[in-house]
Amino acid sequence: MSELKAKIREDMKTAMKNKDKERLGAIRMLLAAIQTEETAGVKHEVTDEDVLKVVAREIKKRRESAEIYAANGRQELADAELAEVAVFEDYQPKQLDDDQVAALVDEAVAETGAESMKDMGQVMKVATEKAAGQVDGKRLSAAVKARLGA
């Protein structure tokens, strides 16, 4: 079992003991998403990298849902989604700030020799590998577009 998955399971036990229903519910949903990832396609044991991808995907889903709820005047539902995001963020690596993202994009552009938007795919591939879950894909994409002059 991956170390991160084991940590999530331990946190679930702690939440049960502390009777923290909100945190427990969020962790159970995350473990369900991880289990779905394990059984999708060929059954396999997930790595820490796979778990980080699942966490990032779940955070993205929750944030998008929160935006939709807030836009439709359902702030209580948006707040519930954002509370789950806060729990999931505990399992992500420290996120990069804007200056660090810009530096990462500059490195990726230099490494690929990109000159225009037609090279964006190559830059995104390198930048995503370097970021390793430390930056949201949407933020990274916006930084690459800005750097390449879109």
N, C-alpha and C. Protein backbone atom coordinates (compact mmCIF):
# COMPACT_ATOMS: atom_id res chain seq x y z
N MET A 1 0.85 -1.18 0.00
CA MET A 1 0.00 0.00 0.00
C MET A 1 0.89 1.24 0.00
N SER A 2 0.46 2.26 -0.75
CA SER A 2 1.26 3.48 -0.80
C SER A 2 1.25 4.16 0.58
N GLU A 3 2.30 4.88 0.86
CA GLU A 3 2.41 5.57 2.16
C GLU A 3 1.31 6.60 2.33
N LEU A 4 1.00 7.32 1.27
CA LEU A 4 -0.03 8.35 1.34
C LEU A 4 -1.41 7.73 1.61
N LYS A 5 -1.70 6.62 0.95
CA LYS A 5 -2.98 5.93 1.18
C LYS A 5 -3.05 5.44 2.63
N ALA A 6 -1.96 4.93 3.14
CA ALA A 6 -1.92 4.46 4.54
C ALA A 6 -2.16 5.64 5.49
N LYS A 7 -1.58 6.79 5.18
CA LYS A 7 -1.78 7.98 6.02
C LYS A 7 -3.25 8.41 6.00
N ILE A 8 -3.87 8.35 4.82
CA ILE A 8 -5.28 8.72 4.72
C ILE A 8 -6.13 7.77 5.55
N ARG A 9 -5.82 6.48 5.50
CA ARG A 9 -6.57 5.51 6.31
C ARG A 9 -6.39 5.78 7.81
N GLU A 10 -5.17 6.11 8.22
CA GLU A 10 -4.93 6.44 9.63
C GLU A 10 -5.71 7.69 10.04
N ASP A 11 -5.74 8.68 9.15
CA ASP A 11 -6.49 9.90 9.44
C ASP A 11 -7.98 9.61 9.55
N MET A 12 -8.46 8.63 8.78
CA MET A 12 -9.87 8.25 8.87
C MET A 12 -10.15 7.65 10.25
N LYS A 13 -9.26 6.80 10.73
CA LYS A 13 -9.44 6.20 12.06
C LYS A 13 -9.43 7.28 13.14
N THR A 14 -8.53 8.25 13.00
CA THR A 14 -8.45 9.36 13.96
C THR A 14 -9.74 10.17 13.94
N ALA A 15 -10.26 10.44 12.75
CA ALA A 15 -11.50 11.20 12.64
C ALA A 15 -12.67 10.44 13.27
N MET A 16 -12.66 9.11 13.13
CA MET A 16 -13.70 8.29 13.76
C MET A 16 -13.62 8.41 15.29
N LYS A 17 -12.40 8.29 15.80
CA LYS A 17 -12.21 8.35 17.25
C LYS A 17 -12.59 9.72 17.81
N ASN A 18 -12.31 10.78 17.03
CA ASN A 18 -12.61 12.14 17.48
C ASN A 18 -14.03 12.57 17.16
N LYS A 19 -14.79 11.68 16.51
CA LYS A 19 -16.17 11.95 16.12
C LYS A 19 -16.28 13.23 15.27
N ASP A 20 -15.32 13.41 14.38
CA ASP A 20 -15.28 14.55 13.46
C ASP A 20 -15.99 14.12 12.17
N LYS A 21 -17.31 14.30 12.14
CA LYS A 21 -18.13 13.78 11.05
C LYS A 21 -17.79 14.39 9.69
N GLU A 22 -17.53 15.70 9.65
CA GLU A 22 -17.24 16.35 8.37
C GLU A 22 -15.94 15.82 7.77
N ARG A 23 -14.90 15.77 8.58
CA ARG A 23 -13.61 15.28 8.11
C ARG A 23 -13.70 13.80 7.72
N LEU A 24 -14.40 13.03 8.53
CA LEU A 24 -14.57 11.61 8.26
C LEU A 24 -15.27 11.40 6.92
N GLY A 25 -16.33 12.15 6.68
CA GLY A 25 -17.06 12.02 5.42
C GLY A 25 -16.19 12.35 4.22
N ALA A 26 -15.42 13.42 4.34
CA ALA A 26 -14.54 13.82 3.24
C ALA A 26 -13.47 12.76 2.98
N ILE A 27 -12.88 12.23 4.04
CA ILE A 27 -11.83 11.21 3.89
C ILE A 27 -12.42 9.94 3.28
N ARG A 28 -13.63 9.57 3.68
CA ARG A 28 -14.26 8.38 3.10
C ARG A 28 -14.49 8.56 1.60
N MET A 29 -14.91 9.76 1.20
CA MET A 29 -15.11 10.02 -0.24
C MET A 29 -13.78 9.93 -0.99
N LEU A 30 -12.72 10.43 -0.37
CA LEU A 30 -11.41 10.38 -1.01
C LEU A 30 -10.94 8.93 -1.14
N LEU A 31 -11.12 8.14 -0.10
CA LEU A 31 -10.73 6.73 -0.17
C LEU A 31 -11.56 5.97 -1.22
N ALA A 32 -12.82 6.33 -1.37
CA ALA A 32 -13.66 5.71 -2.39
C ALA A 32 -13.13 6.05 -3.78
N ALA A 33 -12.71 7.30 -3.98
CA ALA A 33 -12.14 7.70 -5.28
C ALA A 33 -10.83 6.96 -5.55
N ILE A 34 -10.04 6.75 -4.51
CA ILE A 34 -8.78 6.01 -4.66
C ILE A 34 -9.08 4.56 -5.01
N GLN A 35 -10.07 3.97 -4.35
CA GLN A 35 -10.43 2.58 -4.64
C GLN A 35 -10.96 2.45 -6.07
N THR A 36 -11.70 3.43 -6.53
CA THR A 36 -12.18 3.42 -7.91
C THR A 36 -11.00 3.45 -8.87
N GLU A 37 -10.00 4.26 -8.55
CA GLU A 37 -8.80 4.33 -9.39
C GLU A 37 -8.08 2.98 -9.42
N GLU A 38 -8.05 2.30 -8.28
CA GLU A 38 -7.37 0.99 -8.21
C GLU A 38 -8.07 -0.06 -9.05
N THR A 39 -9.39 0.01 -9.14
CA THR A 39 -10.14 -1.03 -9.83
C THR A 39 -10.51 -0.66 -11.25
N ALA A 40 -10.20 0.56 -11.67
CA ALA A 40 -10.49 0.98 -13.05
C ALA A 40 -9.52 0.28 -13.99
N GLY A 41 -10.07 -0.27 -15.06
CA GLY A 41 -9.22 -0.98 -16.02
C GLY A 41 -8.64 -2.23 -15.39
N VAL A 42 -7.32 -2.35 -15.45
CA VAL A 42 -6.63 -3.50 -14.84
C VAL A 42 -6.46 -3.21 -13.36
N LYS A 43 -6.88 -4.15 -12.52
CA LYS A 43 -6.77 -3.94 -11.07
C LYS A 43 -5.30 -3.82 -10.68
N HIS A 44 -4.98 -2.78 -9.91
CA HIS A 44 -3.59 -2.55 -9.53
C HIS A 44 -3.54 -1.80 -8.20
N GLU A 45 -2.40 -1.85 -7.58
CA GLU A 45 -2.16 -1.10 -6.34
C GLU A 45 -1.68 0.29 -6.73
N VAL A 46 -2.30 1.32 -6.17
CA VAL A 46 -1.92 2.68 -6.53
C VAL A 46 -0.62 3.09 -5.83
N THR A 47 0.13 3.95 -6.52
CA THR A 47 1.35 4.52 -5.95
C THR A 47 1.00 5.86 -5.32
N ASP A 48 1.96 6.46 -4.62
CA ASP A 48 1.74 7.78 -4.05
C ASP A 48 1.44 8.79 -5.15
N GLU A 49 2.09 8.64 -6.29
CA GLU A 49 1.86 9.54 -7.43
C GLU A 49 0.41 9.44 -7.92
N ASP A 50 -0.10 8.20 -7.98
CA ASP A 50 -1.49 7.99 -8.39
C ASP A 50 -2.45 8.62 -7.38
N VAL A 51 -2.15 8.47 -6.11
CA VAL A 51 -3.01 9.04 -5.06
C VAL A 51 -3.01 10.56 -5.16
N LEU A 52 -1.85 11.16 -5.43
CA LEU A 52 -1.79 12.61 -5.59
C LEU A 52 -2.64 13.08 -6.76
N LYS A 53 -2.66 12.31 -7.84
CA LYS A 53 -3.49 12.66 -9.00
C LYS A 53 -4.97 12.59 -8.63
N VAL A 54 -5.35 11.57 -7.87
CA VAL A 54 -6.74 11.43 -7.44
C VAL A 54 -7.12 12.61 -6.53
N VAL A 55 -6.23 12.96 -5.60
CA VAL A 55 -6.50 14.08 -4.70
C VAL A 55 -6.69 15.37 -5.50
N ALA A 56 -5.81 15.61 -6.46
CA ALA A 56 -5.91 16.82 -7.28
C ALA A 56 -7.22 16.83 -8.06
N ARG A 57 -7.60 15.68 -8.60
CA ARG A 57 -8.85 15.59 -9.36
C ARG A 57 -10.06 15.86 -8.47
N GLU A 58 -10.05 15.31 -7.27
CA GLU A 58 -11.17 15.52 -6.35
C GLU A 58 -11.26 16.98 -5.90
N ILE A 59 -10.10 17.61 -5.68
CA ILE A 59 -10.10 19.03 -5.31
C ILE A 59 -10.69 19.86 -6.44
N LYS A 60 -10.29 19.55 -7.66
CA LYS A 60 -10.80 20.29 -8.82
C LYS A 60 -12.31 20.14 -8.92
N LYS A 61 -12.82 18.92 -8.75
CA LYS A 61 -14.27 18.68 -8.81
C LYS A 61 -15.00 19.52 -7.76
N ARG A 62 -14.47 19.51 -6.53
CA ARG A 62 -15.13 20.23 -5.44
C ARG A 62 -15.14 21.74 -5.69
N ARG A 63 -14.02 22.26 -6.19
CA ARG A 63 -13.95 23.71 -6.45
C ARG A 63 -14.93 24.11 -7.56
N GLU A 64 -15.01 23.30 -8.60
CA GLU A 64 -15.95 23.59 -9.68
C GLU A 64 -17.39 23.54 -9.17
N SER A 65 -17.70 22.56 -8.36
CA SER A 65 -19.04 22.46 -7.78
C SER A 65 -19.34 23.67 -6.90
N ALA A 66 -18.38 24.08 -6.10
CA ALA A 66 -18.56 25.23 -5.22
C ALA A 66 -18.85 26.49 -6.03
N GLU A 67 -18.14 26.67 -7.15
CA GLU A 67 -18.38 27.83 -8.00
C GLU A 67 -19.81 27.83 -8.53
N ILE A 68 -20.26 26.66 -8.98
CA ILE A 68 -21.61 26.55 -9.53
C ILE A 68 -22.65 26.82 -8.44
N TYR A 69 -22.46 26.23 -7.26
CA TYR A 69 -23.39 26.47 -6.15
C TYR A 69 -23.44 27.94 -5.78
N ALA A 70 -22.29 28.58 -5.67
CA ALA A 70 -22.23 29.99 -5.29
C ALA A 70 -22.91 30.86 -6.35
N ALA A 71 -22.70 30.55 -7.61
CA ALA A 71 -23.31 31.32 -8.70
C ALA A 71 -24.83 31.19 -8.69
N ASN A 72 -25.33 30.09 -8.16
CA ASN A 72 -26.77 29.86 -8.12
C ASN A 72 -27.38 30.16 -6.76
N GLY A 73 -26.65 30.88 -5.92
CA GLY A 73 -27.19 31.32 -4.64
C GLY A 73 -27.30 30.23 -3.59
N ARG A 74 -26.52 29.18 -3.69
CA ARG A 74 -26.56 28.09 -2.71
C ARG A 74 -25.24 28.06 -1.94
N GLN A 75 -25.00 29.12 -1.19
CA GLN A 75 -23.71 29.29 -0.52
C GLN A 75 -23.43 28.19 0.51
N GLU A 76 -24.47 27.66 1.16
CA GLU A 76 -24.25 26.61 2.15
C GLU A 76 -23.68 25.35 1.50
N LEU A 77 -24.14 25.04 0.28
CA LEU A 77 -23.59 23.88 -0.43
C LEU A 77 -22.16 24.17 -0.92
N ALA A 78 -21.92 25.40 -1.35
CA ALA A 78 -20.58 25.79 -1.78
C ALA A 78 -19.61 25.69 -0.61
N ASP A 79 -20.04 26.14 0.57
CA ASP A 79 -19.19 26.07 1.76
C ASP A 79 -18.86 24.62 2.12
N ALA A 80 -19.83 23.72 1.96
CA ALA A 80 -19.60 22.30 2.26
C ALA A 80 -18.55 21.72 1.31
N GLU A 81 -18.63 22.08 0.04
CA GLU A 81 -17.65 21.61 -0.95
C GLU A 81 -16.26 22.14 -0.61
N LEU A 82 -16.18 23.42 -0.24
CA LEU A 82 -14.89 24.02 0.08
C LEU A 82 -14.30 23.45 1.37
N ALA A 83 -15.16 23.02 2.29
CA ALA A 83 -14.67 22.37 3.51
C ALA A 83 -13.99 21.04 3.16
N GLU A 84 -14.55 20.33 2.19
CA GLU A 84 -13.93 19.08 1.74
C GLU A 84 -12.60 19.36 1.06
N VAL A 85 -12.54 20.45 0.29
CA VAL A 85 -11.29 20.84 -0.36
C VAL A 85 -10.20 21.05 0.69
N ALA A 86 -10.56 21.71 1.80
CA ALA A 86 -9.59 21.97 2.86
C ALA A 86 -9.04 20.67 3.43
N VAL A 87 -9.88 19.66 3.57
CA VAL A 87 -9.43 18.35 4.06
C VAL A 87 -8.50 17.70 3.04
N PHE A 88 -8.87 17.74 1.78
CA PHE A 88 -8.07 17.09 0.73
C PHE A 88 -6.72 17.76 0.57
N GLU A 89 -6.66 19.08 0.76
CA GLU A 89 -5.41 19.81 0.58
C GLU A 89 -4.33 19.37 1.57
N ASP A 90 -4.75 18.75 2.69
CA ASP A 90 -3.78 18.23 3.66
C ASP A 90 -2.89 17.15 3.05
N TYR A 91 -3.37 16.51 1.99
CA TYR A 91 -2.65 15.40 1.39
C TYR A 91 -1.85 15.80 0.14
N GLN A 92 -1.90 17.07 -0.22
CA GLN A 92 -1.15 17.55 -1.36
C GLN A 92 0.18 18.12 -0.91
N PRO A 93 1.18 18.11 -1.80
CA PRO A 93 2.43 18.80 -1.47
C PRO A 93 2.17 20.30 -1.40
N LYS A 94 3.08 21.03 -0.76
CA LYS A 94 2.95 22.48 -0.66
C LYS A 94 2.83 23.07 -2.05
N GLN A 95 1.84 23.94 -2.24
CA GLN A 95 1.59 24.54 -3.55
C GLN A 95 2.56 25.68 -3.83
N LEU A 96 2.93 25.83 -5.08
CA LEU A 96 3.87 26.86 -5.50
C LEU A 96 3.17 28.22 -5.58
N ASP A 97 3.89 29.29 -5.23
CA ASP A 97 3.32 30.63 -5.39
C ASP A 97 3.54 31.10 -6.83
N ASP A 98 3.01 32.28 -7.17
CA ASP A 98 3.06 32.76 -8.56
C ASP A 98 4.48 32.92 -9.08
N ASP A 99 5.39 33.42 -8.24
CA ASP A 99 6.78 33.60 -8.67
C ASP A 99 7.43 32.25 -8.98
N GLN A 100 7.16 31.26 -8.14
CA GLN A 100 7.73 29.93 -8.36
C GLN A 100 7.16 29.29 -9.62
N VAL A 101 5.86 29.52 -9.89
CA VAL A 101 5.24 28.99 -11.10
C VAL A 101 5.88 29.64 -12.33
N ALA A 102 6.08 30.96 -12.27
CA ALA A 102 6.71 31.67 -13.39
C ALA A 102 8.12 31.14 -13.64
N ALA A 103 8.88 30.89 -12.58
CA ALA A 103 10.24 30.36 -12.73
C ALA A 103 10.20 28.95 -13.33
N LEU A 104 9.26 28.14 -12.90
CA LEU A 104 9.11 26.79 -13.42
C LEU A 104 8.78 26.83 -14.92
N VAL A 105 7.88 27.73 -15.31
CA VAL A 105 7.51 27.87 -16.71
C VAL A 105 8.71 28.35 -17.53
N ASP A 106 9.47 29.30 -16.99
CA ASP A 106 10.67 29.78 -17.69
C ASP A 106 11.65 28.63 -17.94
N GLU A 107 11.84 27.79 -16.92
CA GLU A 107 12.73 26.62 -17.07
C GLU A 107 12.22 25.69 -18.17
N ALA A 108 10.90 25.43 -18.16
CA ALA A 108 10.33 24.53 -19.15
C ALA A 108 10.46 25.10 -20.56
N VAL A 109 10.26 26.41 -20.71
CA VAL A 109 10.40 27.06 -22.02
C VAL A 109 11.85 26.96 -22.49
N ALA A 110 12.79 27.22 -21.59
CA ALA A 110 14.21 27.14 -21.94
C ALA A 110 14.59 25.72 -22.33
N GLU A 111 14.07 24.76 -21.58
CA GLU A 111 14.41 23.36 -21.83
C GLU A 111 13.87 22.87 -23.18
N THR A 112 12.68 23.33 -23.55
CA THR A 112 12.06 22.87 -24.80
C THR A 112 12.42 23.74 -25.99
N GLY A 113 12.91 24.95 -25.73
CA GLY A 113 13.23 25.87 -26.82
C GLY A 113 11.99 26.44 -27.48
N ALA A 114 10.90 26.50 -26.74
CA ALA A 114 9.62 26.98 -27.28
C ALA A 114 9.70 28.46 -27.63
N GLU A 115 9.01 28.80 -28.73
CA GLU A 115 9.02 30.19 -29.17
C GLU A 115 7.63 30.76 -29.34
N SER A 116 6.62 29.91 -29.52
CA SER A 116 5.27 30.42 -29.75
C SER A 116 4.23 29.46 -29.15
N MET A 117 2.97 29.83 -29.33
CA MET A 117 1.88 29.02 -28.78
C MET A 117 1.83 27.62 -29.38
N LYS A 118 2.36 27.43 -30.57
CA LYS A 118 2.32 26.10 -31.17
C LYS A 118 3.18 25.10 -30.38
N ASP A 119 4.08 25.62 -29.53
CA ASP A 119 4.93 24.77 -28.69
C ASP A 119 4.36 24.55 -27.29
N MET A 120 3.14 25.03 -27.06
CA MET A 120 2.56 24.97 -25.71
C MET A 120 2.48 23.55 -25.16
N GLY A 121 2.13 22.60 -26.00
CA GLY A 121 2.01 21.20 -25.54
C GLY A 121 3.30 20.67 -24.97
N GLN A 122 4.41 20.94 -25.64
CA GLN A 122 5.71 20.48 -25.16
C GLN A 122 6.06 21.15 -23.83
N VAL A 123 5.79 22.46 -23.75
CA VAL A 123 6.10 23.20 -22.52
C VAL A 123 5.24 22.68 -21.37
N MET A 124 3.96 22.45 -21.63
CA MET A 124 3.06 21.95 -20.58
C MET A 124 3.51 20.58 -20.09
N LYS A 125 3.96 19.73 -20.99
CA LYS A 125 4.41 18.39 -20.59
C LYS A 125 5.59 18.49 -19.63
N VAL A 126 6.58 19.29 -19.99
CA VAL A 126 7.77 19.44 -19.15
C VAL A 126 7.41 20.12 -17.83
N ALA A 127 6.61 21.19 -17.91
CA ALA A 127 6.24 21.94 -16.70
C ALA A 127 5.42 21.09 -15.74
N THR A 128 4.53 20.27 -16.28
CA THR A 128 3.70 19.41 -15.43
C THR A 128 4.57 18.39 -14.70
N GLU A 129 5.55 17.84 -15.39
CA GLU A 129 6.45 16.88 -14.75
C GLU A 129 7.26 17.54 -13.63
N LYS A 130 7.73 18.76 -13.90
CA LYS A 130 8.53 19.47 -12.91
C LYS A 130 7.67 19.88 -11.70
N ALA A 131 6.42 20.23 -11.95
CA ALA A 131 5.53 20.70 -10.87
C ALA A 131 5.14 19.56 -9.93
N ALA A 132 4.98 18.38 -10.45
CA ALA A 132 4.67 17.18 -9.64
C ALA A 132 3.58 17.43 -8.61
N GLY A 133 2.42 17.93 -9.06
CA GLY A 133 1.29 18.12 -8.16
C GLY A 133 1.36 19.36 -7.29
N GLN A 134 2.34 20.20 -7.49
CA GLN A 134 2.49 21.38 -6.64
C GLN A 134 1.77 22.60 -7.19
N VAL A 135 1.13 22.46 -8.35
CA VAL A 135 0.39 23.58 -8.93
C VAL A 135 -0.80 23.02 -9.72
N ASP A 136 -1.92 23.71 -9.64
CA ASP A 136 -3.13 23.33 -10.36
C ASP A 136 -2.88 23.47 -11.87
N GLY A 137 -3.40 22.55 -12.64
CA GLY A 137 -3.19 22.56 -14.08
C GLY A 137 -3.69 23.83 -14.76
N LYS A 138 -4.81 24.36 -14.27
CA LYS A 138 -5.36 25.59 -14.85
C LYS A 138 -4.41 26.77 -14.64
N ARG A 139 -3.85 26.87 -13.44
CA ARG A 139 -2.88 27.94 -13.15
C ARG A 139 -1.63 27.80 -13.99
N LEU A 140 -1.16 26.57 -14.13
CA LEU A 140 0.03 26.30 -14.91
C LEU A 140 -0.20 26.64 -16.39
N SER A 141 -1.34 26.24 -16.91
CA SER A 141 -1.69 26.53 -18.29
C SER A 141 -1.75 28.04 -18.54
N ALA A 142 -2.36 28.77 -17.63
CA ALA A 142 -2.44 30.23 -17.77
C ALA A 142 -1.05 30.86 -17.77
N ALA A 143 -0.17 30.37 -16.92
CA ALA A 143 1.19 30.90 -16.85
C ALA A 143 1.96 30.62 -18.14
N VAL A 144 1.76 29.42 -18.70
CA VAL A 144 2.44 29.06 -19.96
C VAL A 144 1.92 29.93 -21.09
N LYS A 145 0.60 30.13 -21.15
CA LYS A 145 0.02 30.98 -22.19
C LYS A 145 0.56 32.40 -22.09
N ALA A 146 0.62 32.92 -20.88
CA ALA A 146 1.13 34.28 -20.68
C ALA A 146 2.58 34.38 -21.12
N ARG A 147 3.36 33.36 -20.81
CA ARG A 147 4.79 33.36 -21.14
C ARG A 147 5.03 33.26 -22.63
N LEU A 148 4.18 32.47 -23.31
CA LEU A 148 4.35 32.28 -24.75
C LEU A 148 3.65 33.36 -25.58
N GLY A 149 2.95 34.26 -24.88
CA GLY A 149 2.33 35.40 -25.57
C GLY A 149 1.03 35.10 -26.27
N ALA A 150 0.15 34.37 -25.61
CA ALA A 150 -1.15 34.06 -26.21
C ALA A 150 -2.07 35.24 -26.21
